[in-house]
Amino acid sequence: MKIPGIGPYGMMGGPPYPAGIDTPKIRYYSGWNVMYKYINPPWSTLVAYDLNQGTIKWKVPIGEEETAVRMGAKDTGAIEEQRGIIVTSTGLLFLASGDGKVRAYDDKTGKTLWTSQLPGGNKAIPAMYEVDGRQYLVINATVPLSGKTAEAGTGTDAAQRGYVVYALPKVGTLRPARERIGFL
């Protein structure tokens, strides 16, 4: 019987090892994010690489895990996997996460320059478009927040969920963008 949401090999199984190779007697298999209970935070990070030098320029946690923060943890990163980022020519990286926030990061340092609360979580890649010299950032905020079991748009404290659009300043008004993030 096929159970919705469970792969063809069961909850903790994977495909068989290839025939003819020496394999361990005990096999450990993990799907996405089931190991978070066994490793230390941050559970998700945004990383900038210097491809010319082959080094990491900076690495910052993405989001917060609500339960861990209540227990005093800092810089936990969200437990759920994150999707893509939007990079602007003005030096900003935008990323929306499952914890219900969209953040703008400085592309040189990874410093969080701006954060905004969304009406729901995000599991999609943000989009950006331009009209008459003005850029708009579109975020899909239609899923329950990380760690919540309620369906999107339901529950006693659920907010209206949907797409959220942020208008950035018109092109040429950012000098430099990192110092003017309050515009959003």
Protein backbone atom coordinates (compact mmCIF):
# COMPACT_ATOMS: atom_id res chain seq x y z
CA MET A 1 0.00 0.00 0.00
CA LYS A 2 1.36 3.44 -0.96
CA ILE A 3 1.19 5.96 1.87
CA PRO A 4 0.97 9.62 0.71
CA GLY A 5 4.21 11.50 1.39
CA ILE A 6 6.27 8.33 1.92
CA GLY A 7 8.73 7.23 -0.76
CA PRO A 8 8.66 3.79 -2.38
CA TYR A 9 11.23 2.43 0.11
CA GLY A 10 9.38 3.31 3.31
CA MET A 11 10.07 5.95 5.92
CA MET A 12 13.71 5.13 6.64
CA GLY A 13 14.72 3.05 3.66
CA GLY A 14 16.48 3.84 0.46
CA PRO A 15 17.12 2.12 -2.82
CA PRO A 16 19.07 -1.13 -2.64
CA TYR A 17 22.84 -1.09 -2.93
CA PRO A 18 24.13 -1.98 -6.40
CA ALA A 19 24.63 -5.70 -6.93
CA GLY A 20 28.12 -7.13 -6.57
CA ILE A 21 29.60 -4.64 -4.11
CA ASP A 22 30.65 -5.19 -0.50
CA THR A 23 28.09 -3.39 1.68
CA PRO A 24 27.72 -2.81 5.42
CA LYS A 25 25.35 -5.11 7.33
CA ILE A 26 23.56 -2.13 8.92
CA ARG A 27 22.37 0.71 6.76
CA TYR A 28 21.49 4.18 7.97
CA TYR A 29 19.37 6.27 5.67
CA SER A 30 18.04 9.76 6.23
CA GLY A 31 15.61 11.90 4.31
CA TRP A 32 15.73 15.71 4.48
CA ASN A 33 16.02 17.30 7.91
CA VAL A 34 15.46 14.33 10.16
CA MET A 35 18.91 14.66 11.69
CA TYR A 36 18.33 18.10 13.21
CA LYS A 37 17.76 16.55 16.63
CA TYR A 38 21.25 15.09 16.53
CA ILE A 39 23.36 17.96 15.22
CA ASN A 40 23.95 21.45 16.57
CA PRO A 41 22.56 24.56 14.93
CA PRO A 42 22.65 26.37 12.65
CA TRP A 43 20.42 23.98 10.74
CA SER A 44 20.33 26.13 7.62
CA THR A 45 22.78 28.73 6.39
CA LEU A 46 23.34 31.15 3.54
CA VAL A 47 26.90 30.85 2.26
CA ALA A 48 28.91 33.10 -0.07
CA TYR A 49 31.86 31.53 -1.82
CA ASP A 50 34.83 33.26 -3.40
CA LEU A 51 35.19 31.08 -6.47
CA ASN A 52 38.46 32.74 -7.47
CA GLN A 53 40.11 31.83 -4.17
CA GLY A 54 38.16 28.64 -3.44
CA THR A 55 37.18 29.93 0.00
CA ILE A 56 34.06 30.78 1.96
CA LYS A 57 33.62 34.58 2.19
CA TRP A 58 30.88 34.45 4.83
CA LYS A 59 28.22 32.14 6.25
CA VAL A 60 25.11 33.21 8.19
CA PRO A 61 22.14 31.31 9.67
CA ILE A 62 18.86 31.58 7.78
CA GLY A 63 15.93 32.19 10.10
CA GLU A 64 15.26 30.91 13.58
CA GLU A 65 13.77 27.75 15.03
CA GLU A 66 11.02 29.03 17.31
CA THR A 67 11.25 26.34 20.01
CA ALA A 68 15.03 26.61 20.29
CA VAL A 69 14.84 30.41 20.56
CA ARG A 70 12.32 30.13 23.41
CA MET A 71 14.87 27.92 25.18
CA GLY A 72 17.55 30.60 24.78
CA ALA A 73 19.30 29.51 21.57
CA LYS A 74 20.54 32.11 19.11
CA ASP A 75 21.39 31.93 15.41
CA THR A 76 19.73 28.54 15.02
CA GLY A 77 18.77 28.77 11.37
CA ALA A 78 15.42 27.33 10.32
CA ILE A 79 15.07 23.55 10.45
CA GLU A 80 13.26 23.23 7.14
CA GLU A 81 15.28 23.42 3.95
CA GLN A 82 15.36 26.80 2.25
CA ARG A 83 14.78 27.59 -1.38
CA GLY A 84 16.46 30.11 -3.67
CA ILE A 85 17.53 33.68 -3.28
CA ILE A 86 17.17 36.76 -5.43
CA VAL A 87 20.33 38.76 -6.08
CA THR A 88 20.13 42.43 -7.07
CA SER A 89 22.67 44.58 -8.88
CA THR A 90 22.68 46.93 -5.87
CA GLY A 91 24.34 44.40 -3.59
CA LEU A 92 21.29 42.91 -1.87
CA LEU A 93 20.32 39.27 -1.49
CA PHE A 94 16.65 38.57 -0.71
CA LEU A 95 15.55 35.28 0.81
CA ALA A 96 12.15 34.26 2.18
CA SER A 97 12.04 31.31 4.56
CA GLY A 98 9.70 28.85 6.20
CA ASP A 99 9.75 30.84 9.46
CA GLY A 100 7.52 33.45 7.81
CA LYS A 101 10.10 36.15 7.22
CA VAL A 102 11.78 37.73 4.23
CA ARG A 103 15.26 39.09 4.76
CA ALA A 104 17.65 41.30 2.82
CA TYR A 105 21.34 40.50 3.21
CA ASP A 106 24.43 42.50 2.28
CA ASP A 107 26.19 40.56 -0.49
CA LYS A 108 29.64 41.61 0.78
CA THR A 109 29.26 40.64 4.46
CA GLY A 110 26.12 38.50 4.84
CA LYS A 111 24.78 40.95 7.42
CA THR A 112 20.99 40.99 7.67
CA LEU A 113 19.99 44.52 6.65
CA TRP A 114 16.22 44.20 6.77
CA THR A 115 13.56 41.71 7.87
CA SER A 116 9.81 41.70 7.30
CA GLN A 117 7.14 39.37 8.67
CA LEU A 118 5.09 37.49 6.09
CA PRO A 119 1.52 36.23 6.62
CA GLY A 120 2.72 32.65 6.04
CA GLY A 121 5.77 30.55 5.36
CA ASN A 122 7.62 30.30 2.07
CA LYS A 123 8.71 27.19 0.18
CA ALA A 124 9.22 28.79 -3.21
CA ILE A 125 11.85 30.87 -4.94
CA PRO A 126 11.07 34.60 -4.78
CA ALA A 127 10.61 36.52 -8.01
CA MET A 128 11.61 40.01 -9.04
CA TYR A 129 10.24 42.14 -11.84
CA GLU A 130 10.55 45.75 -13.00
CA VAL A 131 7.97 48.30 -14.13
CA ASP A 132 8.93 51.86 -15.16
CA GLY A 133 12.35 51.66 -13.50
CA ARG A 134 11.05 50.29 -10.21
CA GLN A 135 11.80 46.79 -8.99
CA TYR A 136 9.26 44.62 -7.18
CA LEU A 137 10.01 41.58 -5.04
CA VAL A 138 7.27 38.91 -5.00
CA ILE A 139 7.11 36.33 -2.20
CA ASN A 140 4.83 33.30 -2.03
CA ALA A 141 3.65 33.27 1.61
CA THR A 142 1.00 30.56 1.34
CA VAL A 143 2.27 27.68 3.48
CA PRO A 144 2.08 27.14 7.25
CA LEU A 145 5.03 28.49 9.21
CA SER A 146 7.89 26.10 10.03
CA GLY A 147 6.95 23.78 12.85
CA LYS A 148 3.22 24.50 12.54
CA THR A 149 0.82 21.73 11.64
CA ALA A 150 -2.20 23.82 10.63
CA GLU A 151 -3.04 24.03 6.97
CA ALA A 152 -2.30 27.31 5.22
CA GLY A 153 -5.12 29.81 5.71
CA THR A 154 -6.82 27.86 8.50
CA GLY A 155 -6.69 27.73 12.27
CA THR A 156 -7.70 30.14 14.98
CA ASP A 157 -4.73 32.50 14.55
CA ALA A 158 -4.15 32.13 10.82
CA ALA A 159 -3.56 35.33 8.88
CA GLN A 160 -4.60 35.89 5.30
CA ARG A 161 -2.02 34.03 3.24
CA GLY A 162 -1.04 34.77 -0.34
CA TYR A 163 1.56 36.50 -2.45
CA VAL A 164 3.29 39.53 -0.94
CA VAL A 165 4.89 42.20 -3.14
CA TYR A 166 7.50 44.68 -1.93
CA ALA A 167 8.34 47.78 -3.99
CA LEU A 168 12.00 48.75 -4.03
CA PRO A 169 13.01 52.36 -4.74
CA LYS A 170 13.27 53.49 -8.32
CA VAL A 171 16.54 52.67 -10.07
CA GLY A 172 19.28 55.19 -9.32
CA THR A 173 17.95 56.24 -5.91
CA LEU A 174 20.09 53.81 -3.95
CA ARG A 175 23.45 55.28 -2.96
CA PRO A 176 24.56 52.78 -1.67
CA ALA A 177 21.74 50.25 -1.24
CA ARG A 178 23.15 48.82 2.00
CA GLU A 179 22.66 52.13 3.78
CA ARG A 180 19.11 52.70 2.55
CA ILE A 181 17.41 49.40 3.36
CA GLY A 182 14.69 51.11 5.39
CA PHE A 183 12.83 51.87 2.16
CA LEU A 184 10.99 48.54 2.10
